Amino acid sequence: MCPKKFKSLSDIVYSTNPDFNAEPETDNTPDTTLPPEKQPLIVRMERKGRGGKTVTLVQGFTGSDQDMESLAKTLKTKCGVGGAVKDGEIVLQGDFKARIAETLKAMGYTKTKMG
C-alpha cells in the first residue's frame, strides 16, 4: 500500500535520480498578458477532425485565461457566431479568417498573421 503523500503521484514507479523530489512543482507566477501590439497571433481555418465543419482558429495568445475569454467574446460578437476557448486557442464556428484578422488589427493586435 502506498503512503498517503504518494497517492497523487501514481504514475511514478521508481526514480534513479538522486535529486528526485516526489512533491509536484507549483508555478505561482501569475499569467501576465502581453500588450496587444506584442501578441503574435495566427488566424487560420481548419476543417480536419471536426466532422466536415469549418472553424476559424486564433492561436498564439499569451496571457491569462480571463483575458483570452474576453477576446474570444469580443470576436464572437463582432462575427455573430458561436465559439469557445480550448487548449489555449480561440475556436470560432465558420470561415471568418479575413474578418477576424481585420478586427484584431483594428483592436491593436498588429502582429496578426493569417496562416
N, C-alpha and C. Protein backbone atom coordinates (compact mmCIF):
# COMPACT_ATOMS: atom_id res chain seq x y z
N MET A 1 0.84 -1.18 0.00
CA MET A 1 0.00 0.00 0.00
C MET A 1 0.89 1.24 0.00
N CYS A 2 0.53 2.24 -0.78
CA CYS A 2 1.32 3.47 -0.91
C CYS A 2 1.10 4.39 0.28
N PRO A 3 2.15 5.09 0.70
CA PRO A 3 1.94 6.11 1.72
C PRO A 3 1.03 7.20 1.19
N LYS A 4 0.39 7.95 2.06
CA LYS A 4 -0.59 8.95 1.65
C LYS A 4 -0.02 10.02 0.74
N LYS A 5 1.22 10.45 0.97
CA LYS A 5 1.75 11.54 0.17
C LYS A 5 2.04 11.13 -1.27
N PHE A 6 2.06 9.85 -1.60
CA PHE A 6 2.33 9.40 -2.95
C PHE A 6 1.08 8.99 -3.71
N LYS A 7 -0.09 9.09 -3.13
CA LYS A 7 -1.30 8.67 -3.84
C LYS A 7 -1.56 9.49 -5.09
N SER A 8 -1.22 10.79 -5.06
CA SER A 8 -1.46 11.61 -6.23
C SER A 8 -0.40 11.41 -7.30
N LEU A 9 0.69 10.75 -6.97
CA LEU A 9 1.77 10.51 -7.92
C LEU A 9 1.77 9.04 -8.35
N SER A 10 0.63 8.51 -8.70
CA SER A 10 0.50 7.10 -9.03
C SER A 10 1.27 6.71 -10.29
N ASP A 11 1.66 7.67 -11.12
CA ASP A 11 2.40 7.36 -12.33
C ASP A 11 3.88 7.09 -12.06
N ILE A 12 4.38 7.49 -10.92
CA ILE A 12 5.79 7.31 -10.59
C ILE A 12 5.98 5.93 -9.98
N VAL A 13 6.83 5.14 -10.60
CA VAL A 13 7.10 3.81 -10.10
C VAL A 13 8.43 3.79 -9.36
N TYR A 14 9.47 4.33 -10.01
CA TYR A 14 10.79 4.30 -9.41
C TYR A 14 11.64 5.36 -10.09
N SER A 15 12.48 6.02 -9.34
CA SER A 15 13.37 7.02 -9.90
C SER A 15 14.79 6.76 -9.43
N THR A 16 15.74 6.81 -10.37
CA THR A 16 17.14 6.64 -10.02
C THR A 16 17.83 7.99 -9.84
N ASN A 17 17.10 9.06 -10.02
CA ASN A 17 17.65 10.40 -9.87
C ASN A 17 17.83 10.71 -8.39
N PRO A 18 19.06 10.98 -7.93
CA PRO A 18 19.26 11.26 -6.50
C PRO A 18 18.63 12.59 -6.07
N ASP A 19 18.37 13.50 -7.02
CA ASP A 19 17.75 14.78 -6.69
C ASP A 19 16.24 14.76 -6.88
N PHE A 20 15.65 13.59 -7.04
CA PHE A 20 14.21 13.48 -7.30
C PHE A 20 13.41 13.98 -6.10
N ASN A 21 12.40 14.78 -6.40
CA ASN A 21 11.51 15.29 -5.37
C ASN A 21 10.10 14.82 -5.71
N ALA A 22 9.48 14.06 -4.84
CA ALA A 22 8.17 13.49 -5.11
C ALA A 22 7.05 14.51 -5.05
N GLU A 23 7.32 15.66 -4.49
CA GLU A 23 6.30 16.71 -4.43
C GLU A 23 6.21 17.41 -5.78
N PRO A 24 5.01 17.60 -6.30
CA PRO A 24 4.87 18.28 -7.60
C PRO A 24 5.30 19.73 -7.49
N GLU A 25 5.94 20.21 -8.56
CA GLU A 25 6.36 21.60 -8.59
C GLU A 25 5.15 22.47 -8.89
N THR A 26 5.06 23.58 -8.20
CA THR A 26 3.96 24.50 -8.44
C THR A 26 4.51 25.78 -9.01
N ASP A 27 3.81 26.32 -9.95
CA ASP A 27 4.21 27.57 -10.58
C ASP A 27 3.26 28.65 -10.08
N ASN A 28 3.73 29.49 -9.17
CA ASN A 28 2.89 30.51 -8.56
C ASN A 28 2.95 31.84 -9.27
N THR A 29 3.62 31.90 -10.43
CA THR A 29 3.70 33.17 -11.14
C THR A 29 2.39 33.42 -11.87
N PRO A 30 1.82 34.60 -11.71
CA PRO A 30 0.56 34.88 -12.39
C PRO A 30 0.79 35.05 -13.89
N ASP A 31 -0.18 34.66 -14.67
CA ASP A 31 -0.10 34.84 -16.11
C ASP A 31 -0.26 36.32 -16.41
N THR A 32 0.75 36.90 -17.01
CA THR A 32 0.65 38.30 -17.39
C THR A 32 0.34 38.37 -18.87
N THR A 33 -0.58 39.21 -19.21
CA THR A 33 -1.00 39.35 -20.59
C THR A 33 -0.12 40.38 -21.29
N LEU A 34 0.43 39.97 -22.42
CA LEU A 34 1.22 40.91 -23.22
C LEU A 34 0.30 41.98 -23.80
N PRO A 35 0.83 43.18 -24.03
CA PRO A 35 0.00 44.20 -24.68
C PRO A 35 -0.36 43.77 -26.10
N PRO A 36 -1.47 44.26 -26.64
CA PRO A 36 -1.94 43.82 -27.96
C PRO A 36 -0.89 43.95 -29.07
N GLU A 37 -0.08 45.00 -29.05
CA GLU A 37 0.88 45.19 -30.14
C GLU A 37 2.04 44.19 -30.08
N LYS A 38 2.17 43.44 -28.99
CA LYS A 38 3.23 42.44 -28.87
C LYS A 38 2.72 41.01 -28.98
N GLN A 39 1.43 40.83 -29.20
CA GLN A 39 0.84 39.50 -29.30
C GLN A 39 1.04 38.95 -30.72
N PRO A 40 1.79 37.85 -30.88
CA PRO A 40 1.97 37.26 -32.21
C PRO A 40 0.85 36.27 -32.53
N LEU A 41 -0.31 36.77 -32.92
CA LEU A 41 -1.47 35.92 -33.16
C LEU A 41 -1.46 35.36 -34.58
N ILE A 42 -1.95 34.14 -34.72
CA ILE A 42 -2.09 33.49 -36.02
C ILE A 42 -3.56 33.12 -36.19
N VAL A 43 -4.16 33.55 -37.29
CA VAL A 43 -5.55 33.25 -37.59
C VAL A 43 -5.55 32.26 -38.75
N ARG A 44 -6.18 31.11 -38.55
CA ARG A 44 -6.24 30.11 -39.63
C ARG A 44 -7.56 29.37 -39.61
N MET A 45 -7.86 28.75 -40.73
CA MET A 45 -9.10 28.00 -40.88
C MET A 45 -8.77 26.51 -40.81
N GLU A 46 -9.68 25.73 -40.23
CA GLU A 46 -9.47 24.29 -40.12
C GLU A 46 -10.78 23.55 -40.31
N ARG A 47 -10.71 22.41 -40.95
CA ARG A 47 -11.88 21.57 -41.15
C ARG A 47 -11.61 20.14 -40.72
N LYS A 48 -10.36 19.77 -40.68
CA LYS A 48 -9.95 18.41 -40.38
C LYS A 48 -10.33 18.00 -38.96
N GLY A 49 -10.93 16.83 -38.82
CA GLY A 49 -11.25 16.30 -37.50
C GLY A 49 -12.43 16.97 -36.83
N ARG A 50 -13.23 17.70 -37.58
CA ARG A 50 -14.36 18.41 -36.98
C ARG A 50 -15.68 18.05 -37.67
N GLY A 51 -15.73 16.86 -38.22
CA GLY A 51 -16.96 16.38 -38.85
C GLY A 51 -17.33 17.17 -40.09
N GLY A 52 -16.36 17.71 -40.80
CA GLY A 52 -16.63 18.48 -42.01
C GLY A 52 -17.01 19.92 -41.77
N LYS A 53 -17.12 20.32 -40.52
CA LYS A 53 -17.49 21.70 -40.19
C LYS A 53 -16.24 22.58 -40.23
N THR A 54 -16.39 23.78 -40.73
CA THR A 54 -15.28 24.72 -40.82
C THR A 54 -15.24 25.58 -39.56
N VAL A 55 -14.03 25.73 -39.00
CA VAL A 55 -13.84 26.61 -37.85
C VAL A 55 -12.65 27.52 -38.14
N THR A 56 -12.64 28.67 -37.48
CA THR A 56 -11.53 29.60 -37.56
C THR A 56 -10.82 29.59 -36.21
N LEU A 57 -9.51 29.42 -36.23
CA LEU A 57 -8.72 29.34 -35.01
C LEU A 57 -7.86 30.59 -34.85
N VAL A 58 -7.77 31.08 -33.63
CA VAL A 58 -6.86 32.17 -33.29
C VAL A 58 -5.88 31.58 -32.29
N GLN A 59 -4.60 31.50 -32.69
CA GLN A 59 -3.59 30.87 -31.85
C GLN A 59 -2.50 31.86 -31.49
N GLY A 60 -1.75 31.55 -30.43
CA GLY A 60 -0.60 32.35 -30.05
C GLY A 60 -0.86 33.40 -29.00
N PHE A 61 -2.03 33.42 -28.39
CA PHE A 61 -2.34 34.42 -27.37
C PHE A 61 -1.53 34.11 -26.12
N THR A 62 -0.84 35.11 -25.60
CA THR A 62 -0.05 34.97 -24.38
C THR A 62 -0.69 35.82 -23.30
N GLY A 63 -1.22 35.17 -22.27
CA GLY A 63 -1.84 35.92 -21.20
C GLY A 63 -2.75 35.06 -20.36
N SER A 64 -3.52 35.71 -19.53
CA SER A 64 -4.41 35.00 -18.62
C SER A 64 -5.61 34.43 -19.35
N ASP A 65 -6.19 33.41 -18.76
CA ASP A 65 -7.37 32.78 -19.35
C ASP A 65 -8.54 33.76 -19.41
N GLN A 66 -8.64 34.62 -18.41
CA GLN A 66 -9.73 35.59 -18.38
C GLN A 66 -9.61 36.58 -19.55
N ASP A 67 -8.40 37.03 -19.85
CA ASP A 67 -8.21 37.95 -20.98
C ASP A 67 -8.50 37.25 -22.31
N MET A 68 -8.13 35.96 -22.41
CA MET A 68 -8.41 35.22 -23.63
C MET A 68 -9.91 35.03 -23.81
N GLU A 69 -10.61 34.75 -22.72
CA GLU A 69 -12.08 34.62 -22.78
C GLU A 69 -12.71 35.94 -23.22
N SER A 70 -12.18 37.04 -22.73
CA SER A 70 -12.70 38.35 -23.10
C SER A 70 -12.49 38.64 -24.58
N LEU A 71 -11.31 38.30 -25.10
CA LEU A 71 -11.03 38.49 -26.53
C LEU A 71 -11.93 37.60 -27.36
N ALA A 72 -12.12 36.36 -26.93
CA ALA A 72 -13.00 35.44 -27.66
C ALA A 72 -14.42 35.96 -27.70
N LYS A 73 -14.90 36.50 -26.60
CA LYS A 73 -16.26 37.05 -26.56
C LYS A 73 -16.40 38.21 -27.53
N THR A 74 -15.39 39.07 -27.57
CA THR A 74 -15.43 40.21 -28.49
C THR A 74 -15.46 39.74 -29.94
N LEU A 75 -14.62 38.75 -30.28
CA LEU A 75 -14.59 38.24 -31.66
C LEU A 75 -15.90 37.55 -32.03
N LYS A 76 -16.46 36.79 -31.10
CA LYS A 76 -17.73 36.12 -31.37
C LYS A 76 -18.84 37.14 -31.62
N THR A 77 -18.83 38.23 -30.86
CA THR A 77 -19.84 39.28 -31.02
C THR A 77 -19.69 39.99 -32.36
N LYS A 78 -18.44 40.31 -32.73
CA LYS A 78 -18.19 41.01 -34.00
C LYS A 78 -18.60 40.18 -35.20
N CYS A 79 -18.41 38.85 -35.11
CA CYS A 79 -18.73 37.97 -36.24
C CYS A 79 -20.13 37.39 -36.15
N GLY A 80 -20.76 37.49 -35.00
CA GLY A 80 -22.11 36.95 -34.83
C GLY A 80 -22.15 35.44 -34.88
N VAL A 81 -21.14 34.78 -34.32
CA VAL A 81 -21.06 33.32 -34.35
C VAL A 81 -20.79 32.78 -32.95
N GLY A 82 -20.87 31.47 -32.83
CA GLY A 82 -20.53 30.82 -31.59
C GLY A 82 -19.07 30.41 -31.59
N GLY A 83 -18.60 30.02 -30.45
CA GLY A 83 -17.20 29.61 -30.35
C GLY A 83 -16.84 29.27 -28.92
N ALA A 84 -15.57 28.97 -28.73
CA ALA A 84 -15.09 28.58 -27.40
C ALA A 84 -13.60 28.82 -27.32
N VAL A 85 -13.09 28.73 -26.09
CA VAL A 85 -11.64 28.76 -25.86
C VAL A 85 -11.26 27.35 -25.42
N LYS A 86 -10.41 26.69 -26.22
CA LYS A 86 -9.99 25.32 -25.92
C LYS A 86 -8.49 25.20 -26.11
N ASP A 87 -7.83 24.60 -25.17
CA ASP A 87 -6.39 24.29 -25.27
C ASP A 87 -5.55 25.49 -25.68
N GLY A 88 -5.85 26.65 -25.14
CA GLY A 88 -5.04 27.83 -25.40
C GLY A 88 -5.27 28.47 -26.75
N GLU A 89 -6.36 28.13 -27.41
CA GLU A 89 -6.69 28.77 -28.68
C GLU A 89 -8.18 29.11 -28.73
N ILE A 90 -8.50 30.12 -29.51
CA ILE A 90 -9.89 30.55 -29.66
C ILE A 90 -10.45 29.87 -30.89
N VAL A 91 -11.57 29.18 -30.73
CA VAL A 91 -12.21 28.45 -31.83
C VAL A 91 -13.53 29.13 -32.13
N LEU A 92 -13.70 29.60 -33.38
CA LEU A 92 -14.94 30.25 -33.80
C LEU A 92 -15.57 29.43 -34.92
N GLN A 93 -16.88 29.27 -34.88
CA GLN A 93 -17.58 28.47 -35.87
C GLN A 93 -17.69 29.22 -37.18
N GLY A 94 -17.28 28.58 -38.27
CA GLY A 94 -17.39 29.17 -39.60
C GLY A 94 -16.08 29.71 -40.11
N ASP A 95 -16.10 30.15 -41.37
CA ASP A 95 -14.91 30.68 -42.02
C ASP A 95 -14.95 32.21 -41.97
N PHE A 96 -14.29 32.77 -40.98
CA PHE A 96 -14.25 34.22 -40.78
C PHE A 96 -12.81 34.71 -40.68
N LYS A 97 -11.92 34.05 -41.39
CA LYS A 97 -10.49 34.34 -41.26
C LYS A 97 -10.17 35.80 -41.56
N ALA A 98 -10.66 36.33 -42.66
CA ALA A 98 -10.36 37.72 -43.05
C ALA A 98 -10.99 38.71 -42.08
N ARG A 99 -12.23 38.48 -41.70
CA ARG A 99 -12.93 39.39 -40.80
C ARG A 99 -12.27 39.43 -39.42
N ILE A 100 -11.86 38.27 -38.93
CA ILE A 100 -11.22 38.20 -37.62
C ILE A 100 -9.86 38.89 -37.65
N ALA A 101 -9.08 38.66 -38.71
CA ALA A 101 -7.77 39.30 -38.83
C ALA A 101 -7.93 40.82 -38.89
N GLU A 102 -8.91 41.28 -39.64
CA GLU A 102 -9.19 42.71 -39.75
C GLU A 102 -9.61 43.29 -38.40
N THR A 103 -10.47 42.58 -37.68
CA THR A 103 -10.94 43.03 -36.36
C THR A 103 -9.79 43.09 -35.36
N LEU A 104 -8.93 42.06 -35.37
CA LEU A 104 -7.80 42.04 -34.45
C LEU A 104 -6.84 43.20 -34.72
N LYS A 105 -6.58 43.48 -35.98
CA LYS A 105 -5.69 44.60 -36.32
C LYS A 105 -6.30 45.92 -35.89
N ALA A 106 -7.62 46.05 -36.02
CA ALA A 106 -8.31 47.27 -35.59
C ALA A 106 -8.26 47.42 -34.06
N MET A 107 -8.19 46.30 -33.35
CA MET A 107 -8.12 46.31 -31.88
C MET A 107 -6.70 46.56 -31.38
N GLY A 108 -5.72 46.62 -32.27
CA GLY A 108 -4.35 46.89 -31.86
C GLY A 108 -3.42 45.71 -31.91
N TYR A 109 -3.90 44.55 -32.33
CA TYR A 109 -3.07 43.35 -32.45
C TYR A 109 -2.37 43.40 -33.81
N THR A 110 -1.30 44.20 -33.89
CA THR A 110 -0.65 44.49 -35.17
C THR A 110 0.20 43.33 -35.70
N LYS A 111 0.58 42.38 -34.86
CA LYS A 111 1.39 41.25 -35.30
C LYS A 111 0.54 40.05 -35.75
N THR A 112 -0.70 40.30 -36.09
CA THR A 112 -1.60 39.23 -36.50
C THR A 112 -1.25 38.77 -37.91
N LYS A 113 -1.15 37.43 -38.08
CA LYS A 113 -0.87 36.84 -39.39
C LYS A 113 -1.96 35.85 -39.74
N MET A 114 -2.20 35.70 -41.03
CA MET A 114 -3.16 34.68 -41.47
C MET A 114 -2.34 33.47 -41.94
N GLY A 115 -2.68 32.31 -41.37
CA GLY A 115 -1.90 31.10 -41.71
C GLY A 115 -2.67 30.14 -42.54
